[in-house]
Protein backbone atom coordinates (compact mmCIF):
# COMPACT_ATOMS: atom_id res chain seq x y z
CA UNK A 1 0.00 0.00 0.00
CA UNK A 2 1.25 3.45 -0.97
CA UNK A 3 0.09 6.39 1.15
CA UNK A 4 0.87 10.09 0.93
CA UNK A 5 -0.59 13.43 2.00
CA UNK A 6 -1.11 16.54 -0.10
CA UNK A 7 -2.16 20.07 0.89
CA UNK A 8 -4.76 21.54 -1.51
CA UNK A 9 -3.60 24.90 -2.86
CA UNK A 10 -6.44 25.69 -5.30
CA UNK A 11 -8.59 28.57 -4.03
CA UNK A 12 -11.75 26.59 -4.82
CA UNK A 13 -10.54 23.32 -3.30
CA UNK A 14 -11.47 20.16 -5.18
CA UNK A 15 -14.28 21.45 -7.37
CA UNK A 16 -16.09 19.83 -10.31
CA UNK A 17 -13.59 20.19 -13.16
CA UNK A 18 -10.43 18.99 -11.38
CA UNK A 19 -12.42 16.36 -9.47
CA UNK A 20 -13.58 14.85 -12.76
CA UNK A 21 -10.04 14.85 -14.12
CA UNK A 22 -8.70 13.35 -10.89
CA UNK A 23 -11.27 10.52 -11.03
CA UNK A 24 -10.29 9.89 -14.66
CA UNK A 25 -6.60 9.72 -13.66
CA UNK A 26 -7.31 7.34 -10.77
CA UNK A 27 -9.64 5.15 -12.85
CA UNK A 28 -6.89 4.54 -15.40
CA UNK A 29 -5.17 2.24 -12.85
CA UNK A 30 -6.49 -1.06 -11.47
CA UNK A 31 -5.44 -0.27 -7.88
CA UNK A 32 -8.04 0.76 -5.29
CA UNK A 33 -7.63 4.40 -4.23
CA UNK A 34 -9.10 6.03 -1.13
CA UNK A 35 -8.99 9.77 -0.45
CA UNK A 36 -9.49 10.94 3.13
CA UNK A 37 -9.92 14.37 4.72
CA UNK A 38 -11.27 15.61 8.06
CA UNK A 39 -12.32 12.13 9.17
CA UNK A 40 -14.21 11.31 5.94
CA UNK A 41 -13.11 8.94 3.18
CA UNK A 42 -14.16 8.34 -0.41
CA UNK A 43 -13.39 5.93 -3.23
CA UNK A 44 -11.19 7.91 -5.63
CA UNK A 45 -12.95 6.39 -8.64
CA UNK A 46 -16.37 7.80 -7.67
CA UNK A 47 -16.90 11.45 -8.62
CA UNK A 48 -19.87 12.15 -6.34
CA UNK A 49 -18.14 10.50 -3.37
CA UNK A 50 -15.07 12.65 -3.98
CA UNK A 51 -17.15 15.83 -4.32
CA UNK A 52 -19.01 14.87 -1.13
CA UNK A 53 -15.81 15.22 0.88
CA UNK A 54 -16.05 19.00 0.49
CA UNK A 55 -12.29 19.51 0.23
CA UNK A 56 -11.36 23.18 0.60
CA UNK A 57 -8.19 25.19 0.07
CA UNK A 58 -5.48 24.36 2.67
CA UNK A 59 -7.11 21.01 3.58
CA UNK A 60 -4.61 18.17 3.78
CA UNK A 61 -5.85 15.04 2.04
CA UNK A 62 -4.49 11.55 2.52
CA UNK A 63 -4.34 9.33 -0.55
CA UNK A 64 -4.03 5.55 -0.10
CA UNK A 65 -3.40 3.37 -3.15
CA UNK A 66 -3.55 -0.41 -2.79
CA UNK A 67 -3.28 -3.14 -5.39
CA UNK A 68 -1.85 -3.77 -8.81
CA UNK A 69 0.50 -1.02 -10.10
CA UNK A 70 0.05 0.96 -6.88
CA UNK A 71 3.44 2.69 -7.03
CA UNK A 72 2.81 3.85 -10.60
CA UNK A 73 -0.71 5.01 -9.68
CA UNK A 74 0.52 6.93 -6.61
CA UNK A 75 3.11 8.77 -8.70
CA UNK A 76 0.55 9.69 -11.35
CA UNK A 77 -1.88 10.98 -8.70
CA UNK A 78 0.86 13.02 -6.99
CA UNK A 79 1.80 14.54 -10.34
CA UNK A 80 -1.84 15.37 -11.11
CA UNK A 81 -2.39 17.00 -7.71
CA UNK A 82 0.79 19.06 -8.00
CA UNK A 83 -0.11 20.33 -11.47
CA UNK A 84 -3.84 20.95 -10.90
CA UNK A 85 -4.65 21.48 -7.25
PDB file of N, CA and C in Angstrom:
ATOM      1  N   UNK A   1       0.841  -1.178   0.000  1.00  0.00           N
ATOM      2  CA  UNK A   1       0.000   0.000   0.000  1.00  0.00           C
ATOM      3  C   UNK A   1       0.888   1.244   0.000  1.00  0.00           C
ATOM      4  N   UNK A   2       0.558   2.167  -0.876  1.00  0.00           N
ATOM      5  CA  UNK A   2       1.255   3.447  -0.969  1.00  0.00           C
ATOM      6  C   UNK A   2       0.333   4.514  -0.370  1.00  0.00           C
ATOM      7  N   UNK A   3       0.871   5.330   0.532  1.00  0.00           N
ATOM      8  CA  UNK A   3       0.087   6.389   1.153  1.00  0.00           C
ATOM      9  C   UNK A   3       0.885   7.679   1.149  1.00  0.00           C
ATOM     10  N   UNK A   4       0.215   8.788   0.848  1.00  0.00           N
ATOM     11  CA  UNK A   4       0.868  10.095   0.927  1.00  0.00           C
ATOM     12  C   UNK A   4      -0.172  11.156   1.256  1.00  0.00           C
ATOM     13  N   UNK A   5       0.309  12.311   1.708  1.00  0.00           N
ATOM     14  CA  UNK A   5      -0.591  13.429   1.995  1.00  0.00           C
ATOM     15  C   UNK A   5      -0.274  14.565   1.032  1.00  0.00           C
ATOM     16  N   UNK A   6      -1.282  15.397   0.801  1.00  0.00           N
ATOM     17  CA  UNK A   6      -1.111  16.544  -0.097  1.00  0.00           C
ATOM     18  C   UNK A   6      -1.991  17.689   0.399  1.00  0.00           C
ATOM     19  N   UNK A   7      -1.413  18.878   0.472  1.00  0.00           N
ATOM     20  CA  UNK A   7      -2.163  20.066   0.886  1.00  0.00           C
ATOM     21  C   UNK A   7      -2.744  20.739  -0.353  1.00  0.00           C
ATOM     22  N   UNK A   8      -4.067  20.947  -0.368  1.00  0.00           N
ATOM     23  CA  UNK A   8      -4.764  21.537  -1.507  1.00  0.00           C
ATOM     24  C   UNK A   8      -4.477  23.036  -1.569  1.00  0.00           C
ATOM     25  N   UNK A   9      -3.962  23.496  -2.693  1.00  0.00           N
ATOM     26  CA  UNK A   9      -3.603  24.903  -2.861  1.00  0.00           C
ATOM     27  C   UNK A   9      -4.627  25.691  -3.674  1.00  0.00           C
ATOM     28  N   UNK A  10      -5.449  25.012  -4.459  1.00  0.00           N
ATOM     29  CA  UNK A  10      -6.437  25.686  -5.305  1.00  0.00           C
ATOM     30  C   UNK A  10      -7.421  26.467  -4.440  1.00  0.00           C
ATOM     31  N   UNK A  11      -7.696  27.710  -4.807  1.00  0.00           N
ATOM     32  CA  UNK A  11      -8.587  28.570  -4.031  1.00  0.00           C
ATOM     33  C   UNK A  11      -9.997  27.999  -3.902  1.00  0.00           C
ATOM     34  N   UNK A  12     -10.412  27.177  -4.848  1.00  0.00           N
ATOM     35  CA  UNK A  12     -11.753  26.591  -4.822  1.00  0.00           C
ATOM     36  C   UNK A  12     -11.769  25.180  -4.240  1.00  0.00           C
ATOM     37  N   UNK A  13     -10.626  24.680  -3.811  1.00  0.00           N
ATOM     38  CA  UNK A  13     -10.540  23.316  -3.297  1.00  0.00           C
ATOM     39  C   UNK A  13     -10.694  22.318  -4.436  1.00  0.00           C
ATOM     40  N   UNK A  14     -11.222  21.150  -4.130  1.00  0.00           N
ATOM     41  CA  UNK A  14     -11.467  20.156  -5.179  1.00  0.00           C
ATOM     42  C   UNK A  14     -12.884  20.394  -5.686  1.00  0.00           C
ATOM     43  N   UNK A  15     -12.983  21.142  -6.769  1.00  0.00           N
ATOM     44  CA  UNK A  15     -14.285  21.451  -7.365  1.00  0.00           C
ATOM     45  C   UNK A  15     -14.506  20.571  -8.594  1.00  0.00           C
ATOM     46  N   UNK A  16     -15.608  20.756  -9.276  1.00  0.00           N
ATOM     47  CA  UNK A  16     -16.085  19.828 -10.308  1.00  0.00           C
ATOM     48  C   UNK A  16     -15.065  19.493 -11.397  1.00  0.00           C
ATOM     49  N   UNK A  17     -14.475  20.485 -12.035  1.00  0.00           N
ATOM     50  CA  UNK A  17     -13.590  20.194 -13.160  1.00  0.00           C
ATOM     51  C   UNK A  17     -12.374  19.365 -12.745  1.00  0.00           C
ATOM     52  N   UNK A  18     -11.580  19.825 -11.746  1.00  0.00           N
ATOM     53  CA  UNK A  18     -10.427  18.991 -11.379  1.00  0.00           C
ATOM     54  C   UNK A  18     -10.825  17.668 -10.732  1.00  0.00           C
ATOM     55  N   UNK A  19     -11.973  17.625 -10.066  1.00  0.00           N
ATOM     56  CA  UNK A  19     -12.423  16.358  -9.473  1.00  0.00           C
ATOM     57  C   UNK A  19     -12.682  15.333 -10.569  1.00  0.00           C
ATOM     58  N   UNK A  20     -13.322  15.755 -11.640  1.00  0.00           N
ATOM     59  CA  UNK A  20     -13.579  14.855 -12.765  1.00  0.00           C
ATOM     60  C   UNK A  20     -12.295  14.352 -13.395  1.00  0.00           C
ATOM     61  N   UNK A  21     -11.335  15.244 -13.547  1.00  0.00           N
ATOM     62  CA  UNK A  21     -10.042  14.848 -14.122  1.00  0.00           C
ATOM     63  C   UNK A  21      -9.264  13.935 -13.172  1.00  0.00           C
ATOM     64  N   UNK A  22      -9.374  14.197 -11.873  1.00  0.00           N
ATOM     65  CA  UNK A  22      -8.704  13.350 -10.886  1.00  0.00           C
ATOM     66  C   UNK A  22      -9.295  11.934 -10.909  1.00  0.00           C
ATOM     67  N   UNK A  23     -10.605  11.832 -10.960  1.00  0.00           N
ATOM     68  CA  UNK A  23     -11.266  10.518 -11.034  1.00  0.00           C
ATOM     69  C   UNK A  23     -10.820   9.781 -12.297  1.00  0.00           C
ATOM     70  N   UNK A  24     -10.723  10.494 -13.396  1.00  0.00           N
ATOM     71  CA  UNK A  24     -10.287   9.886 -14.661  1.00  0.00           C
ATOM     72  C   UNK A  24      -8.857   9.363 -14.531  1.00  0.00           C
ATOM     73  N   UNK A  25      -7.985  10.139 -13.887  1.00  0.00           N
ATOM     74  CA  UNK A  25      -6.599   9.715 -13.662  1.00  0.00           C
ATOM     75  C   UNK A  25      -6.562   8.460 -12.796  1.00  0.00           C
ATOM     76  N   UNK A  26      -7.296   8.474 -11.693  1.00  0.00           N
ATOM     77  CA  UNK A  26      -7.314   7.344 -10.768  1.00  0.00           C
ATOM     78  C   UNK A  26      -7.903   6.102 -11.431  1.00  0.00           C
ATOM     79  N   UNK A  27      -8.963   6.275 -12.211  1.00  0.00           N
ATOM     80  CA  UNK A  27      -9.642   5.148 -12.848  1.00  0.00           C
ATOM     81  C   UNK A  27      -8.790   4.472 -13.925  1.00  0.00           C
ATOM     82  N   UNK A  28      -7.742   5.141 -14.369  1.00  0.00           N
ATOM     83  CA  UNK A  28      -6.888   4.542 -15.400  1.00  0.00           C
ATOM     84  C   UNK A  28      -5.957   3.470 -14.825  1.00  0.00           C
ATOM     85  N   UNK A  29      -5.999   3.258 -13.512  1.00  0.00           N
ATOM     86  CA  UNK A  29      -5.170   2.245 -12.853  1.00  0.00           C
ATOM     87  C   UNK A  29      -6.076   1.231 -12.151  1.00  0.00           C
ATOM     88  N   UNK A  30      -5.657  -0.036 -12.105  1.00  0.00           N
ATOM     89  CA  UNK A  30      -6.495  -1.060 -11.474  1.00  0.00           C
ATOM     90  C   UNK A  30      -6.487  -1.012  -9.942  1.00  0.00           C
ATOM     91  N   UNK A  31      -5.541  -0.313  -9.340  1.00  0.00           N
ATOM     92  CA  UNK A  31      -5.441  -0.266  -7.879  1.00  0.00           C
ATOM     93  C   UNK A  31      -6.619   0.481  -7.259  1.00  0.00           C
ATOM     94  N   UNK A  32      -6.992   0.072  -6.048  1.00  0.00           N
ATOM     95  CA  UNK A  32      -8.043   0.764  -5.288  1.00  0.00           C
ATOM     96  C   UNK A  32      -7.433   2.015  -4.670  1.00  0.00           C
ATOM     97  N   UNK A  33      -8.129   3.130  -4.759  1.00  0.00           N
ATOM     98  CA  UNK A  33      -7.628   4.397  -4.226  1.00  0.00           C
ATOM     99  C   UNK A  33      -8.666   5.008  -3.302  1.00  0.00           C
ATOM    100  N   UNK A  34      -8.223   5.384  -2.109  1.00  0.00           N
ATOM    101  CA  UNK A  34      -9.095   6.025  -1.133  1.00  0.00           C
ATOM    102  C   UNK A  34      -8.525   7.400  -0.804  1.00  0.00           C
ATOM    103  N   UNK A  35      -9.392   8.410  -0.805  1.00  0.00           N
ATOM    104  CA  UNK A  35      -8.986   9.771  -0.454  1.00  0.00           C
ATOM    105  C   UNK A  35      -9.703  10.127   0.841  1.00  0.00           C
ATOM    106  N   UNK A  36      -8.938  10.609   1.821  1.00  0.00           N
ATOM    107  CA  UNK A  36      -9.493  10.938   3.129  1.00  0.00           C
ATOM    108  C   UNK A  36      -9.165  12.374   3.503  1.00  0.00           C
ATOM    109  N   UNK A  37     -10.117  13.018   4.203  1.00  0.00           N
ATOM    110  CA  UNK A  37      -9.919  14.371   4.720  1.00  0.00           C
ATOM    111  C   UNK A  37     -10.897  14.601   5.863  1.00  0.00           C
ATOM    112  N   UNK A  38     -10.427  15.231   6.918  1.00  0.00           N
ATOM    113  CA  UNK A  38     -11.274  15.607   8.057  1.00  0.00           C
ATOM    114  C   UNK A  38     -12.155  14.458   8.555  1.00  0.00           C
ATOM    115  N   UNK A  39     -11.585  13.267   8.645  1.00  0.00           N
ATOM    116  CA  UNK A  39     -12.324  12.127   9.174  1.00  0.00           C
ATOM    117  C   UNK A  39     -13.279  11.452   8.203  1.00  0.00           C
ATOM    118  N   UNK A  40     -13.340  11.927   6.960  1.00  0.00           N
ATOM    119  CA  UNK A  40     -14.207  11.314   5.945  1.00  0.00           C
ATOM    120  C   UNK A  40     -13.334  10.693   4.858  1.00  0.00           C
ATOM    121  N   UNK A  41     -13.844   9.624   4.247  1.00  0.00           N
ATOM    122  CA  UNK A  41     -13.114   8.944   3.177  1.00  0.00           C
ATOM    123  C   UNK A  41     -14.021   8.710   1.984  1.00  0.00           C
ATOM    124  N   UNK A  42     -13.399   8.600   0.805  1.00  0.00           N
ATOM    125  CA  UNK A  42     -14.161   8.336  -0.413  1.00  0.00           C
ATOM    126  C   UNK A  42     -13.323   7.495  -1.366  1.00  0.00           C
ATOM    127  N   UNK A  43     -14.014   6.687  -2.152  1.00  0.00           N
ATOM    128  CA  UNK A  43     -13.387   5.929  -3.233  1.00  0.00           C
ATOM    129  C   UNK A  43     -12.978   6.941  -4.303  1.00  0.00           C
ATOM    130  N   UNK A  44     -11.705   6.952  -4.663  1.00  0.00           N
ATOM    131  CA  UNK A  44     -11.192   7.909  -5.631  1.00  0.00           C
ATOM    132  C   UNK A  44     -11.729   7.746  -7.041  1.00  0.00           C
ATOM    133  N   UNK A  45     -12.404   6.621  -7.308  1.00  0.00           N
ATOM    134  CA  UNK A  45     -12.953   6.386  -8.641  1.00  0.00           C
ATOM    135  C   UNK A  45     -14.414   6.809  -8.746  1.00  0.00           C
ATOM    136  N   UNK A  46     -14.962   7.403  -7.692  1.00  0.00           N
ATOM    137  CA  UNK A  46     -16.375   7.799  -7.665  1.00  0.00           C
ATOM    138  C   UNK A  46     -16.468   9.317  -7.508  1.00  0.00           C
ATOM    139  N   UNK A  47     -16.865   9.981  -8.576  1.00  0.00           N
ATOM    140  CA  UNK A  47     -16.899  11.447  -8.615  1.00  0.00           C
ATOM    141  C   UNK A  47     -17.755  12.039  -7.498  1.00  0.00           C
ATOM    142  N   UNK A  48     -18.979  11.554  -7.339  1.00  0.00           N
ATOM    143  CA  UNK A  48     -19.871  12.148  -6.340  1.00  0.00           C
ATOM    144  C   UNK A  48     -19.362  11.900  -4.917  1.00  0.00           C
ATOM    145  N   UNK A  49     -18.729  10.767  -4.688  1.00  0.00           N
ATOM    146  CA  UNK A  49     -18.143  10.499  -3.369  1.00  0.00           C
ATOM    147  C   UNK A  49     -17.006  11.479  -3.095  1.00  0.00           C
ATOM    148  N   UNK A  50     -16.187  11.712  -4.112  1.00  0.00           N
ATOM    149  CA  UNK A  50     -15.069  12.654  -3.978  1.00  0.00           C
ATOM    150  C   UNK A  50     -15.574  14.071  -3.730  1.00  0.00           C
ATOM    151  N   UNK A  51     -16.578  14.491  -4.492  1.00  0.00           N
ATOM    152  CA  UNK A  51     -17.150  15.825  -4.320  1.00  0.00           C
ATOM    153  C   UNK A  51     -17.800  15.962  -2.934  1.00  0.00           C
ATOM    154  N   UNK A  52     -18.356  14.869  -2.430  1.00  0.00           N
ATOM    155  CA  UNK A  52     -19.014  14.871  -1.130  1.00  0.00           C
ATOM    156  C   UNK A  52     -18.074  15.105   0.039  1.00  0.00           C
ATOM    157  N   UNK A  53     -16.781  14.961  -0.181  1.00  0.00           N
ATOM    158  CA  UNK A  53     -15.815  15.220   0.884  1.00  0.00           C
ATOM    159  C   UNK A  53     -15.734  16.714   1.219  1.00  0.00           C
ATOM    160  N   UNK A  54     -16.078  17.560   0.261  1.00  0.00           N
ATOM    161  CA  UNK A  54     -16.051  19.002   0.492  1.00  0.00           C
ATOM    162  C   UNK A  54     -14.658  19.542   0.774  1.00  0.00           C
ATOM    163  N   UNK A  55     -13.681  19.105   0.009  1.00  0.00           N
ATOM    164  CA  UNK A  55     -12.294  19.507   0.231  1.00  0.00           C
ATOM    165  C   UNK A  55     -12.103  20.974  -0.152  1.00  0.00           C
ATOM    166  N   UNK A  56     -11.573  21.743   0.790  1.00  0.00           N
ATOM    167  CA  UNK A  56     -11.362  23.176   0.604  1.00  0.00           C
ATOM    168  C   UNK A  56      -9.875  23.492   0.499  1.00  0.00           C
ATOM    169  N   UNK A  57      -9.581  24.736   0.126  1.00  0.00           N
ATOM    170  CA  UNK A  57      -8.188  25.189   0.073  1.00  0.00           C
ATOM    171  C   UNK A  57      -7.554  25.009   1.453  1.00  0.00           C
ATOM    172  N   UNK A  58      -6.302  24.594   1.475  1.00  0.00           N
ATOM    173  CA  UNK A  58      -5.482  24.359   2.668  1.00  0.00           C
ATOM    174  C   UNK A  58      -5.852  23.092   3.439  1.00  0.00           C
ATOM    175  N   UNK A  59      -6.841  22.315   2.974  1.00  0.00           N
ATOM    176  CA  UNK A  59      -7.109  21.010   3.581  1.00  0.00           C
ATOM    177  C   UNK A  59      -5.991  20.058   3.173  1.00  0.00           C
ATOM    178  N   UNK A  60      -5.625  19.177   4.082  1.00  0.00           N
ATOM    179  CA  UNK A  60      -4.612  18.167   3.775  1.00  0.00           C
ATOM    180  C   UNK A  60      -5.312  16.840   3.562  1.00  0.00           C
ATOM    181  N   UNK A  61      -5.218  16.316   2.348  1.00  0.00           N
ATOM    182  CA  UNK A  61      -5.850  15.038   2.036  1.00  0.00           C
ATOM    183  C   UNK A  61      -4.828  13.920   2.184  1.00  0.00           C
ATOM    184  N   UNK A  62      -5.320  12.737   2.487  1.00  0.00           N
ATOM    185  CA  UNK A  62      -4.487  11.546   2.525  1.00  0.00           C
ATOM    186  C   UNK A  62      -4.961  10.629   1.407  1.00  0.00           C
ATOM    187  N   UNK A  63      -4.030  10.211   0.579  1.00  0.00           N
ATOM    188  CA  UNK A  63      -4.338   9.332  -0.545  1.00  0.00           C
ATOM    189  C   UNK A  63      -3.700   7.976  -0.276  1.00  0.00           C
ATOM    190  N   UNK A  64      -4.509   6.928  -0.307  1.00  0.00           N
ATOM    191  CA  UNK A  64      -4.027   5.554  -0.104  1.00  0.00           C
ATOM    192  C   UNK A  64      -4.323   4.755  -1.367  1.00  0.00           C
ATOM    193  N   UNK A  65      -3.277   4.155  -1.922  1.00  0.00           N
ATOM    194  CA  UNK A  65      -3.404   3.366  -3.148  1.00  0.00           C
ATOM    195  C   UNK A  65      -2.971   1.939  -2.827  1.00  0.00           C
ATOM    196  N   UNK A  66      -3.837   0.979  -3.140  1.00  0.00           N
ATOM    197  CA  UNK A  66      -3.548  -0.408  -2.794  1.00  0.00           C
ATOM    198  C   UNK A  66      -3.927  -1.325  -3.948  1.00  0.00           C
ATOM    199  N   UNK A  67      -2.994  -2.162  -4.353  1.00  0.00           N
ATOM    200  CA  UNK A  67      -3.282  -3.142  -5.391  1.00  0.00           C
ATOM    201  C   UNK A  67      -2.273  -3.104  -6.524  1.00  0.00           C
ATOM    202  N   UNK A  68      -2.693  -3.659  -7.636  1.00  0.00           N
ATOM    203  CA  UNK A  68      -1.847  -3.775  -8.814  1.00  0.00           C
ATOM    204  C   UNK A  68      -1.401  -2.406  -9.325  1.00  0.00           C
ATOM    205  N   UNK A  69      -0.103  -2.265  -9.582  1.00  0.00           N
ATOM    206  CA  UNK A  69       0.502  -1.023 -10.102  1.00  0.00           C
ATOM    207  C   UNK A  69       0.317   0.166  -9.162  1.00  0.00           C
ATOM    208  N   UNK A  70       0.299  -0.105  -7.843  1.00  0.00           N
ATOM    209  CA  UNK A  70       0.046   0.958  -6.880  1.00  0.00           C
ATOM    210  C   UNK A  70       1.115   2.047  -6.882  1.00  0.00           C
ATOM    211  N   UNK A  71       2.376   1.683  -7.031  1.00  0.00           N
ATOM    212  CA  UNK A  71       3.441   2.690  -7.032  1.00  0.00           C
ATOM    213  C   UNK A  71       3.290   3.626  -8.229  1.00  0.00           C
ATOM    214  N   UNK A  72       3.010   3.060  -9.381  1.00  0.00           N
ATOM    215  CA  UNK A  72       2.812   3.854 -10.597  1.00  0.00           C
ATOM    216  C   UNK A  72       1.594   4.769 -10.456  1.00  0.00           C
ATOM    217  N   UNK A  73       0.519   4.233  -9.888  1.00  0.00           N
ATOM    218  CA  UNK A  73      -0.706   5.013  -9.684  1.00  0.00           C
ATOM    219  C   UNK A  73      -0.449   6.161  -8.712  1.00  0.00           C
ATOM    220  N   UNK A  74       0.242   5.885  -7.613  1.00  0.00           N
ATOM    221  CA  UNK A  74       0.521   6.925  -6.614  1.00  0.00           C
ATOM    222  C   UNK A  74       1.326   8.061  -7.231  1.00  0.00           C
ATOM    223  N   UNK A  75       2.309   7.732  -8.047  1.00  0.00           N
ATOM    224  CA  UNK A  75       3.111   8.775  -8.697  1.00  0.00           C
ATOM    225  C   UNK A  75       2.272   9.613  -9.652  1.00  0.00           C
ATOM    226  N   UNK A  76       1.404   8.967 -10.407  1.00  0.00           N
ATOM    227  CA  UNK A  76       0.545   9.688 -11.350  1.00  0.00           C
ATOM    228  C   UNK A  76      -0.420  10.620 -10.612  1.00  0.00           C
ATOM    229  N   UNK A  77      -0.954  10.157  -9.487  1.00  0.00           N
ATOM    230  CA  UNK A  77      -1.883  10.978  -8.701  1.00  0.00           C
ATOM    231  C   UNK A  77      -1.148  12.163  -8.088  1.00  0.00           C
ATOM    232  N   UNK A  78       0.057  11.922  -7.543  1.00  0.00           N
ATOM    233  CA  UNK A  78       0.863  13.021  -6.989  1.00  0.00           C
ATOM    234  C   UNK A  78       1.130  14.076  -8.053  1.00  0.00           C
ATOM    235  N   UNK A  79       1.511  13.618  -9.240  1.00  0.00           N
ATOM    236  CA  UNK A  79       1.799  14.544 -10.339  1.00  0.00           C
ATOM    237  C   UNK A  79       0.549  15.337 -10.691  1.00  0.00           C
ATOM    238  N   UNK A  80      -0.601  14.686 -10.794  1.00  0.00           N
ATOM    239  CA  UNK A  80      -1.842  15.374 -11.107  1.00  0.00           C
ATOM    240  C   UNK A  80      -2.154  16.428 -10.049  1.00  0.00           C
ATOM    241  N   UNK A  81      -2.070  16.058  -8.783  1.00  0.00           N
ATOM    242  CA  UNK A  81      -2.389  17.004  -7.712  1.00  0.00           C
ATOM    243  C   UNK A  81      -1.458  18.214  -7.737  1.00  0.00           C
ATOM    244  N   UNK A  82      -0.185  17.974  -7.947  1.00  0.00           N
ATOM    245  CA  UNK A  82       0.788  19.064  -8.003  1.00  0.00           C
ATOM    246  C   UNK A  82       0.508  20.028  -9.150  1.00  0.00           C
ATOM    247  N   UNK A  83       0.133  19.492 -10.288  1.00  0.00           N
ATOM    248  CA  UNK A  83      -0.110  20.334 -11.473  1.00  0.00           C
ATOM    249  C   UNK A  83      -1.465  21.010 -11.473  1.00  0.00           C
ATOM    250  N   UNK A  84      -2.468  20.453 -10.779  1.00  0.00           N
ATOM    251  CA  UNK A  84      -3.838  20.948 -10.903  1.00  0.00           C
ATOM    252  C   UNK A  84      -4.476  21.468  -9.624  1.00  0.00           C
ATOM    253  N   UNK A  85      -3.993  21.071  -8.490  1.00  0.00           N
ATOM    254  CA  UNK A  85      -4.649  21.478  -7.246  1.00  0.00           C
ATOM    255  C   UNK A  85      -3.626  22.027  -6.266  1.00  0.00           C
TER     256      UNK A  85
END
